[in-house]
Amino acid sequence: MRTIEIDITNIQTVKALHIYLAWKLDMPAHYGRNLDALHDVLGECGADMHIVLRGEAAGSEMAAYLPRLQDMLTDCAGEGIIGGYTCQ
């Protein structure tokens, strides 16, 4: 199982987050850069991933979005779509 650390400390916008996620998670070109697309792509290639989310939201846009990201990753782990999820 691969452990992939996602450090959101310096990420200011949702757009920047999805660009970062696409790079860190080696997403395919068709990744739509939103939570629904992230869920779908993780379903295709995330079974061997343990995702570790680090850092605090940088700015109000990320503070509002972060709980949705955390919920989606928790759901993916619970459904077996990804191998695991930790928030630190």
PDB file of N, CA and C in Angstrom:
ATOM      1  N   MET A   1       0.829  -1.178   0.000  1.00  0.00           N
ATOM      2  CA  MET A   1       0.000   0.000   0.000  1.00  0.00           C
ATOM      3  C   MET A   1       0.878   1.248   0.000  1.00  0.00           C
ATOM      4  N   ARG A   2       0.507   2.205  -0.837  1.00  0.00           N
ATOM      5  CA  ARG A   2       1.243   3.467  -0.906  1.00  0.00           C
ATOM      6  C   ARG A   2       0.630   4.463   0.065  1.00  0.00           C
ATOM      7  N   THR A   3       1.491   5.134   0.823  1.00  0.00           N
ATOM      8  CA  THR A   3       1.040   6.238   1.658  1.00  0.00           C
ATOM      9  C   THR A   3       1.356   7.528   0.929  1.00  0.00           C
ATOM     10  N   ILE A   4       0.336   8.349   0.747  1.00  0.00           N
ATOM     11  CA  ILE A   4       0.494   9.610   0.030  1.00  0.00           C
ATOM     12  C   ILE A   4       0.109  10.738   0.971  1.00  0.00           C
ATOM     13  N   GLU A   5       1.076  11.603   1.243  1.00  0.00           N
ATOM     14  CA  GLU A   5       0.850  12.728   2.140  1.00  0.00           C
ATOM     15  C   GLU A   5       0.424  13.949   1.334  1.00  0.00           C
ATOM     16  N   ILE A   6      -0.692  14.531   1.744  1.00  0.00           N
ATOM     17  CA  ILE A   6      -1.236  15.727   1.124  1.00  0.00           C
ATOM     18  C   ILE A   6      -1.129  16.847   2.155  1.00  0.00           C
ATOM     19  N   ASP A   7      -0.230  17.795   1.931  1.00  0.00           N
ATOM     20  CA  ASP A   7      -0.037  18.912   2.854  1.00  0.00           C
ATOM     21  C   ASP A   7      -0.731  20.142   2.275  1.00  0.00           C
ATOM     22  N   ILE A   8      -1.810  20.563   2.935  1.00  0.00           N
ATOM     23  CA  ILE A   8      -2.608  21.679   2.415  1.00  0.00           C
ATOM     24  C   ILE A   8      -2.230  23.025   3.036  1.00  0.00           C
ATOM     25  N   THR A   9      -1.169  23.055   3.818  1.00  0.00           N
ATOM     26  CA  THR A   9      -0.803  24.244   4.588  1.00  0.00           C
ATOM     27  C   THR A   9      -0.783  25.528   3.760  1.00  0.00           C
ATOM     28  N   ASN A  10      -0.213  25.506   2.576  1.00  0.00           N
ATOM     29  CA  ASN A  10      -0.051  26.723   1.784  1.00  0.00           C
ATOM     30  C   ASN A  10      -1.040  26.852   0.633  1.00  0.00           C
ATOM     31  N   ILE A  11      -2.050  26.023   0.614  1.00  0.00           N
ATOM     32  CA  ILE A  11      -3.010  26.052  -0.481  1.00  0.00           C
ATOM     33  C   ILE A  11      -4.136  27.028  -0.132  1.00  0.00           C
ATOM     34  N   GLN A  12      -4.334  28.010  -0.993  1.00  0.00           N
ATOM     35  CA  GLN A  12      -5.279  29.093  -0.720  1.00  0.00           C
ATOM     36  C   GLN A  12      -6.651  28.905  -1.356  1.00  0.00           C
ATOM     37  N   THR A  13      -6.717  28.179  -2.478  1.00  0.00           N
ATOM     38  CA  THR A  13      -7.978  28.083  -3.219  1.00  0.00           C
ATOM     39  C   THR A  13      -8.314  26.625  -3.545  1.00  0.00           C
ATOM     40  N   VAL A  14      -9.586  26.416  -3.824  1.00  0.00           N
ATOM     41  CA  VAL A  14     -10.053  25.084  -4.219  1.00  0.00           C
ATOM     42  C   VAL A  14      -9.417  24.679  -5.545  1.00  0.00           C
ATOM     43  N   LYS A  15      -9.305  25.626  -6.468  1.00  0.00           N
ATOM     44  CA  LYS A  15      -8.663  25.325  -7.752  1.00  0.00           C
ATOM     45  C   LYS A  15      -7.231  24.856  -7.543  1.00  0.00           C
ATOM     46  N   ALA A  16      -6.481  25.561  -6.694  1.00  0.00           N
ATOM     47  CA  ALA A  16      -5.097  25.170  -6.408  1.00  0.00           C
ATOM     48  C   ALA A  16      -5.046  23.808  -5.726  1.00  0.00           C
ATOM     49  N   LEU A  17      -6.012  23.527  -4.855  1.00  0.00           N
ATOM     50  CA  LEU A  17      -6.060  22.223  -4.189  1.00  0.00           C
ATOM     51  C   LEU A  17      -6.205  21.107  -5.210  1.00  0.00           C
ATOM     52  N   HIS A  18      -7.113  21.259  -6.145  1.00  0.00           N
ATOM     53  CA  HIS A  18      -7.337  20.179  -7.113  1.00  0.00           C
ATOM     54  C   HIS A  18      -6.174  20.024  -8.089  1.00  0.00           C
ATOM     55  N   ILE A  19      -5.500  21.102  -8.399  1.00  0.00           N
ATOM     56  CA  ILE A  19      -4.279  20.994  -9.205  1.00  0.00           C
ATOM     57  C   ILE A  19      -3.223  20.207  -8.424  1.00  0.00           C
ATOM     58  N   TYR A  20      -3.071  20.520  -7.151  1.00  0.00           N
ATOM     59  CA  TYR A  20      -2.120  19.820  -6.279  1.00  0.00           C
ATOM     60  C   TYR A  20      -2.493  18.349  -6.137  1.00  0.00           C
ATOM     61  N   LEU A  21      -3.785  18.067  -5.905  1.00  0.00           N
ATOM     62  CA  LEU A  21      -4.228  16.678  -5.777  1.00  0.00           C
ATOM     63  C   LEU A  21      -3.963  15.892  -7.054  1.00  0.00           C
ATOM     64  N   ALA A  22      -4.214  16.510  -8.196  1.00  0.00           N
ATOM     65  CA  ALA A  22      -3.967  15.833  -9.472  1.00  0.00           C
ATOM     66  C   ALA A  22      -2.505  15.439  -9.595  1.00  0.00           C
ATOM     67  N   TRP A  23      -1.619  16.314  -9.174  1.00  0.00           N
ATOM     68  CA  TRP A  23      -0.181  16.042  -9.227  1.00  0.00           C
ATOM     69  C   TRP A  23       0.226  14.986  -8.187  1.00  0.00           C
ATOM     70  N   LYS A  24      -0.181  15.186  -6.924  1.00  0.00           N
ATOM     71  CA  LYS A  24       0.233  14.269  -5.853  1.00  0.00           C
ATOM     72  C   LYS A  24      -0.312  12.857  -6.037  1.00  0.00           C
ATOM     73  N   LEU A  25      -1.539  12.764  -6.531  1.00  0.00           N
ATOM     74  CA  LEU A  25      -2.179  11.461  -6.666  1.00  0.00           C
ATOM     75  C   LEU A  25      -2.011  10.870  -8.065  1.00  0.00           C
ATOM     76  N   ASP A  26      -1.259  11.570  -8.910  1.00  0.00           N
ATOM     77  CA  ASP A  26      -0.984  11.114 -10.269  1.00  0.00           C
ATOM     78  C   ASP A  26      -2.283  10.779 -11.005  1.00  0.00           C
ATOM     79  N   MET A  27      -3.194  11.752 -10.991  1.00  0.00           N
ATOM     80  CA  MET A  27      -4.502  11.574 -11.586  1.00  0.00           C
ATOM     81  C   MET A  27      -4.417  11.538 -13.113  1.00  0.00           C
ATOM     82  N   PRO A  28      -5.331  10.814 -13.739  1.00  0.00           N
ATOM     83  CA  PRO A  28      -5.360  10.786 -15.205  1.00  0.00           C
ATOM     84  C   PRO A  28      -5.822  12.132 -15.758  1.00  0.00           C
ATOM     85  N   ALA A  29      -5.596  12.337 -17.033  1.00  0.00           N
ATOM     86  CA  ALA A  29      -5.915  13.608 -17.688  1.00  0.00           C
ATOM     87  C   ALA A  29      -7.403  13.944 -17.603  1.00  0.00           C
ATOM     88  N   HIS A  30      -8.261  12.954 -17.500  1.00  0.00           N
ATOM     89  CA  HIS A  30      -9.701  13.231 -17.478  1.00  0.00           C
ATOM     90  C   HIS A  30     -10.223  13.652 -16.103  1.00  0.00           C
ATOM     91  N   TYR A  31      -9.358  13.752 -15.100  1.00  0.00           N
ATOM     92  CA  TYR A  31      -9.777  14.183 -13.758  1.00  0.00           C
ATOM     93  C   TYR A  31     -10.409  15.567 -13.830  1.00  0.00           C
ATOM     94  N   GLY A  32     -11.652  15.699 -13.367  1.00  0.00           N
ATOM     95  CA  GLY A  32     -12.423  16.921 -13.515  1.00  0.00           C
ATOM     96  C   GLY A  32     -12.195  17.994 -12.467  1.00  0.00           C
ATOM     97  N   ARG A  33     -11.325  17.764 -11.513  1.00  0.00           N
ATOM     98  CA  ARG A  33     -10.942  18.760 -10.495  1.00  0.00           C
ATOM     99  C   ARG A  33     -12.110  19.274  -9.672  1.00  0.00           C
ATOM    100  N   ASN A  34     -12.889  18.323  -9.137  1.00  0.00           N
ATOM    101  CA  ASN A  34     -13.917  18.609  -8.148  1.00  0.00           C
ATOM    102  C   ASN A  34     -14.097  17.344  -7.311  1.00  0.00           C
ATOM    103  N   LEU A  35     -14.873  17.424  -6.236  1.00  0.00           N
ATOM    104  CA  LEU A  35     -14.974  16.279  -5.331  1.00  0.00           C
ATOM    105  C   LEU A  35     -15.632  15.062  -5.982  1.00  0.00           C
ATOM    106  N   ASP A  36     -16.636  15.276  -6.813  1.00  0.00           N
ATOM    107  CA  ASP A  36     -17.258  14.134  -7.490  1.00  0.00           C
ATOM    108  C   ASP A  36     -16.250  13.432  -8.396  1.00  0.00           C
ATOM    109  N   ALA A  37     -15.488  14.221  -9.129  1.00  0.00           N
ATOM    110  CA  ALA A  37     -14.468  13.642 -10.015  1.00  0.00           C
ATOM    111  C   ALA A  37     -13.375  12.953  -9.212  1.00  0.00           C
ATOM    112  N   LEU A  38     -12.984  13.545  -8.089  1.00  0.00           N
ATOM    113  CA  LEU A  38     -11.972  12.920  -7.226  1.00  0.00           C
ATOM    114  C   LEU A  38     -12.463  11.565  -6.746  1.00  0.00           C
ATOM    115  N   HIS A  39     -13.696  11.503  -6.292  1.00  0.00           N
ATOM    116  CA  HIS A  39     -14.283  10.237  -5.841  1.00  0.00           C
ATOM    117  C   HIS A  39     -14.252   9.204  -6.968  1.00  0.00           C
ATOM    118  N   ASP A  40     -14.662   9.614  -8.152  1.00  0.00           N
ATOM    119  CA  ASP A  40     -14.695   8.690  -9.288  1.00  0.00           C
ATOM    120  C   ASP A  40     -13.305   8.175  -9.646  1.00  0.00           C
ATOM    121  N   VAL A  41     -12.333   9.074  -9.699  1.00  0.00           N
ATOM    122  CA  VAL A  41     -10.980   8.661 -10.087  1.00  0.00           C
ATOM    123  C   VAL A  41     -10.347   7.804  -9.002  1.00  0.00           C
ATOM    124  N   LEU A  42     -10.595   8.123  -7.746  1.00  0.00           N
ATOM    125  CA  LEU A  42     -10.078   7.265  -6.671  1.00  0.00           C
ATOM    126  C   LEU A  42     -10.684   5.869  -6.772  1.00  0.00           C
ATOM    127  N   GLY A  43     -11.920   5.794  -7.218  1.00  0.00           N
ATOM    128  CA  GLY A  43     -12.549   4.490  -7.438  1.00  0.00           C
ATOM    129  C   GLY A  43     -11.851   3.678  -8.508  1.00  0.00           C
ATOM    130  N   GLU A  44     -11.206   4.355  -9.442  1.00  0.00           N
ATOM    131  CA  GLU A  44     -10.476   3.672 -10.513  1.00  0.00           C
ATOM    132  C   GLU A  44      -9.079   3.253 -10.082  1.00  0.00           C
ATOM    133  N   CYS A  45      -8.441   4.045  -9.204  1.00  0.00           N
ATOM    134  CA  CYS A  45      -7.016   3.793  -8.945  1.00  0.00           C
ATOM    135  C   CYS A  45      -6.598   3.974  -7.494  1.00  0.00           C
ATOM    136  N   GLY A  46      -7.545   4.078  -6.560  1.00  0.00           N
ATOM    137  CA  GLY A  46      -7.179   4.420  -5.192  1.00  0.00           C
ATOM    138  C   GLY A  46      -7.111   3.280  -4.197  1.00  0.00           C
ATOM    139  N   ALA A  47      -7.395   2.057  -4.603  1.00  0.00           N
ATOM    140  CA  ALA A  47      -7.479   0.958  -3.643  1.00  0.00           C
ATOM    141  C   ALA A  47      -6.174   0.702  -2.896  1.00  0.00           C
ATOM    142  N   ASP A  48      -5.045   1.023  -3.514  1.00  0.00           N
ATOM    143  CA  ASP A  48      -3.758   0.779  -2.856  1.00  0.00           C
ATOM    144  C   ASP A  48      -3.191   2.041  -2.199  1.00  0.00           C
ATOM    145  N   MET A  49      -4.030   3.085  -2.013  1.00  0.00           N
ATOM    146  CA  MET A  49      -3.562   4.346  -1.433  1.00  0.00           C
ATOM    147  C   MET A  49      -4.052   4.521  -0.003  1.00  0.00           C
ATOM    148  N   HIS A  50      -3.140   4.919   0.863  1.00  0.00           N
ATOM    149  CA  HIS A  50      -3.516   5.452   2.181  1.00  0.00           C
ATOM    150  C   HIS A  50      -3.186   6.935   2.111  1.00  0.00           C
ATOM    151  N   ILE A  51      -4.207   7.769   2.196  1.00  0.00           N
ATOM    152  CA  ILE A  51      -4.028   9.210   2.058  1.00  0.00           C
ATOM    153  C   ILE A  51      -3.928   9.840   3.439  1.00  0.00           C
ATOM    154  N   VAL A  52      -2.875  10.609   3.645  1.00  0.00           N
ATOM    155  CA  VAL A  52      -2.670  11.347   4.887  1.00  0.00           C
ATOM    156  C   VAL A  52      -2.814  12.830   4.564  1.00  0.00           C
ATOM    157  N   LEU A  53      -3.817  13.454   5.152  1.00  0.00           N
ATOM    158  CA  LEU A  53      -4.071  14.878   4.938  1.00  0.00           C
ATOM    159  C   LEU A  53      -3.462  15.654   6.093  1.00  0.00           C
ATOM    160  N   ARG A  54      -2.543  16.563   5.773  1.00  0.00           N
ATOM    161  CA  ARG A  54      -1.832  17.335   6.801  1.00  0.00           C
ATOM    162  C   ARG A  54      -2.073  18.823   6.607  1.00  0.00           C
ATOM    163  N   GLY A  55      -1.975  19.545   7.711  1.00  0.00           N
ATOM    164  CA  GLY A  55      -2.033  20.992   7.662  1.00  0.00           C
ATOM    165  C   GLY A  55      -3.425  21.529   7.934  1.00  0.00           C
ATOM    166  N   GLU A  56      -3.461  22.831   8.098  1.00  0.00           N
ATOM    167  CA  GLU A  56      -4.723  23.522   8.340  1.00  0.00           C
ATOM    168  C   GLU A  56      -5.076  24.355   7.117  1.00  0.00           C
ATOM    169  N   ALA A  57      -6.351  24.642   7.001  1.00  0.00           N
ATOM    170  CA  ALA A  57      -6.833  25.431   5.871  1.00  0.00           C
ATOM    171  C   ALA A  57      -6.178  26.806   5.872  1.00  0.00           C
ATOM    172  N   ALA A  58      -5.709  27.217   4.703  1.00  0.00           N
ATOM    173  CA  ALA A  58      -5.082  28.530   4.538  1.00  0.00           C
ATOM    174  C   ALA A  58      -6.085  29.450   3.857  1.00  0.00           C
ATOM    175  N   GLY A  59      -6.839  30.173   4.636  1.00  0.00           N
ATOM    176  CA  GLY A  59      -7.802  31.108   4.071  1.00  0.00           C
ATOM    177  C   GLY A  59      -9.232  30.602   4.164  1.00  0.00           C
ATOM    178  N   SER A  60     -10.156  31.522   3.960  1.00  0.00           N
ATOM    179  CA  SER A  60     -11.568  31.219   4.162  1.00  0.00           C
ATOM    180  C   SER A  60     -12.136  30.250   3.115  1.00  0.00           C
ATOM    181  N   GLU A  61     -11.666  30.346   1.879  1.00  0.00           N
ATOM    182  CA  GLU A  61     -12.165  29.434   0.846  1.00  0.00           C
ATOM    183  C   GLU A  61     -11.825  27.991   1.198  1.00  0.00           C
ATOM    184  N   MET A  62     -10.595  27.749   1.602  1.00  0.00           N
ATOM    185  CA  MET A  62     -10.185  26.397   1.978  1.00  0.00           C
ATOM    186  C   MET A  62     -10.836  25.959   3.286  1.00  0.00           C
ATOM    187  N   ALA A  63     -11.018  26.878   4.212  1.00  0.00           N
ATOM    188  CA  ALA A  63     -11.670  26.539   5.484  1.00  0.00           C
ATOM    189  C   ALA A  63     -13.096  26.051   5.242  1.00  0.00           C
ATOM    190  N   ALA A  64     -13.777  26.649   4.288  1.00  0.00           N
ATOM    191  CA  ALA A  64     -15.140  26.231   3.959  1.00  0.00           C
ATOM    192  C   ALA A  64     -15.161  24.897   3.212  1.00  0.00           C
ATOM    193  N   TYR A  65     -14.138  24.623   2.418  1.00  0.00           N
ATOM    194  CA  TYR A  65     -14.096  23.436   1.554  1.00  0.00           C
ATOM    195  C   TYR A  65     -13.534  22.204   2.258  1.00  0.00           C
ATOM    196  N   LEU A  66     -12.633  22.416   3.189  1.00  0.00           N
ATOM    197  CA  LEU A  66     -11.920  21.308   3.831  1.00  0.00           C
ATOM    198  C   LEU A  66     -12.843  20.267   4.454  1.00  0.00           C
ATOM    199  N   PRO A  67     -13.899  20.639   5.186  1.00  0.00           N
ATOM    200  CA  PRO A  67     -14.769  19.591   5.750  1.00  0.00           C
ATOM    201  C   PRO A  67     -15.393  18.690   4.691  1.00  0.00           C
ATOM    202  N   ARG A  68     -15.720  19.256   3.544  1.00  0.00           N
ATOM    203  CA  ARG A  68     -16.285  18.447   2.457  1.00  0.00           C
ATOM    204  C   ARG A  68     -15.252  17.453   1.923  1.00  0.00           C
ATOM    205  N   LEU A  69     -14.003  17.907   1.769  1.00  0.00           N
ATOM    206  CA  LEU A  69     -12.926  17.018   1.332  1.00  0.00           C
ATOM    207  C   LEU A  69     -12.711  15.912   2.351  1.00  0.00           C
ATOM    208  N   GLN A  70     -12.658  16.270   3.623  1.00  0.00           N
ATOM    209  CA  GLN A  70     -12.450  15.275   4.671  1.00  0.00           C
ATOM    210  C   GLN A  70     -13.584  14.250   4.695  1.00  0.00           C
ATOM    211  N   ASP A  71     -14.823  14.710   4.571  1.00  0.00           N
ATOM    212  CA  ASP A  71     -15.962  13.788   4.553  1.00  0.00           C
ATOM    213  C   ASP A  71     -15.882  12.831   3.368  1.00  0.00           C
ATOM    214  N   MET A  72     -15.520  13.361   2.206  1.00  0.00           N
ATOM    215  CA  MET A  72     -15.431  12.521   1.016  1.00  0.00           C
ATOM    216  C   MET A  72     -14.334  11.468   1.181  1.00  0.00           C
ATOM    217  N   LEU A  73     -13.172  11.859   1.715  1.00  0.00           N
ATOM    218  CA  LEU A  73     -12.093  10.891   1.917  1.00  0.00           C
ATOM    219  C   LEU A  73     -12.466   9.852   2.972  1.00  0.00           C
ATOM    220  N   THR A  74     -13.154  10.270   4.025  1.00  0.00           N
ATOM    221  CA  THR A  74     -13.637   9.325   5.045  1.00  0.00           C
ATOM    222  C   THR A  74     -14.596   8.319   4.416  1.00  0.00           C
ATOM    223  N   ASP A  75     -15.507   8.815   3.589  1.00  0.00           N
ATOM    224  CA  ASP A  75     -16.453   7.921   2.904  1.00  0.00           C
ATOM    225  C   ASP A  75     -15.717   6.948   1.983  1.00  0.00           C
ATOM    226  N   CYS A  76     -14.736   7.443   1.235  1.00  0.00           N
ATOM    227  CA  CYS A  76     -13.962   6.576   0.332  1.00  0.00           C
ATOM    228  C   CYS A  76     -13.252   5.469   1.104  1.00  0.00           C
ATOM    229  N   ALA A  77     -12.682   5.818   2.237  1.00  0.00           N
ATOM    230  CA  ALA A  77     -11.997   4.804   3.053  1.00  0.00           C
ATOM    231  C   ALA A  77     -13.010   3.789   3.589  1.00  0.00           C
ATOM    232  N   GLY A  78     -14.144   4.260   4.054  1.00  0.00           N
ATOM    233  CA  GLY A  78     -15.169   3.376   4.590  1.00  0.00           C
ATOM    234  C   GLY A  78     -15.757   2.444   3.547  1.00  0.00           C
ATOM    235  N   GLU A  79     -15.819   2.910   2.316  1.00  0.00           N
ATOM    236  CA  GLU A  79     -16.361   2.102   1.218  1.00  0.00           C
ATOM    237  C   GLU A  79     -15.308   1.207   0.572  1.00  0.00           C
ATOM    238  N   GLY A  80     -14.046   1.312   1.008  1.00  0.00           N
ATOM    239  CA  GLY A  80     -12.971   0.520   0.419  1.00  0.00           C
ATOM    240  C   GLY A  80     -12.467   1.057  -0.907  1.00  0.00           C
ATOM    241  N   ILE A  81     -12.855   2.279  -1.261  1.00  0.00           N
ATOM    242  CA  ILE A  81     -12.403   2.878  -2.506  1.00  0.00           C
ATOM    243  C   ILE A  81     -10.920   3.228  -2.415  1.00  0.00           C
ATOM    244  N   ILE A  82     -10.507   3.691  -1.229  1.00  0.00           N
ATOM    245  CA  ILE A  82      -9.072   3.904  -0.956  1.00  0.00           C
ATOM    246  C   ILE A  82      -8.711   3.001   0.207  1.00  0.00           C
ATOM    247  N   GLY A  83      -7.431   2.708   0.316  1.00  0.00           N
ATOM    248  CA  GLY A  83      -6.961   1.796   1.350  1.00  0.00           C
ATOM    249  C   GLY A  83      -7.052   2.355   2.754  1.00  0.00           C
ATOM    250  N   GLY A  84      -7.065   3.680   2.882  1.00  0.00           N
ATOM    251  CA  GLY A  84      -7.177   4.307   4.193  1.00  0.00           C
ATOM    252  C   GLY A  84      -7.044   5.806   4.093  1.00  0.00           C
ATOM    253  N   TYR A  85      -7.407   6.465   5.192  1.00  0.00           N
ATOM    254  CA  TYR A  85      -7.363   7.917   5.242  1.00  0.00           C
ATOM    255  C   TYR A  85      -7.069   8.353   6.674  1.00  0.00           C
ATOM    256  N   THR A  86      -6.140   9.275   6.813  1.00  0.00           N
ATOM    257  CA  THR A  86      -5.789   9.850   8.101  1.00  0.00           C
ATOM    258  C   THR A  86      -5.728  11.354   7.958  1.00  0.00           C
ATOM    259  N   CYS A  87      -6.251  12.069   8.942  1.00  0.00           N
ATOM    260  CA  CYS A  87      -6.159  13.525   8.956  1.00  0.00           C
ATOM    261  C   CYS A  87      -5.302  13.916  10.148  1.00  0.00           C
ATOM    262  N   GLN A  88      -4.239  14.671   9.880  1.00  0.00           N
ATOM    263  CA  GLN A  88      -3.338  15.077  10.960  1.00  0.00           C
ATOM    264  C   GLN A  88      -3.212  16.561  11.025  1.00  0.00           C
TER     265      GLN A  88
END
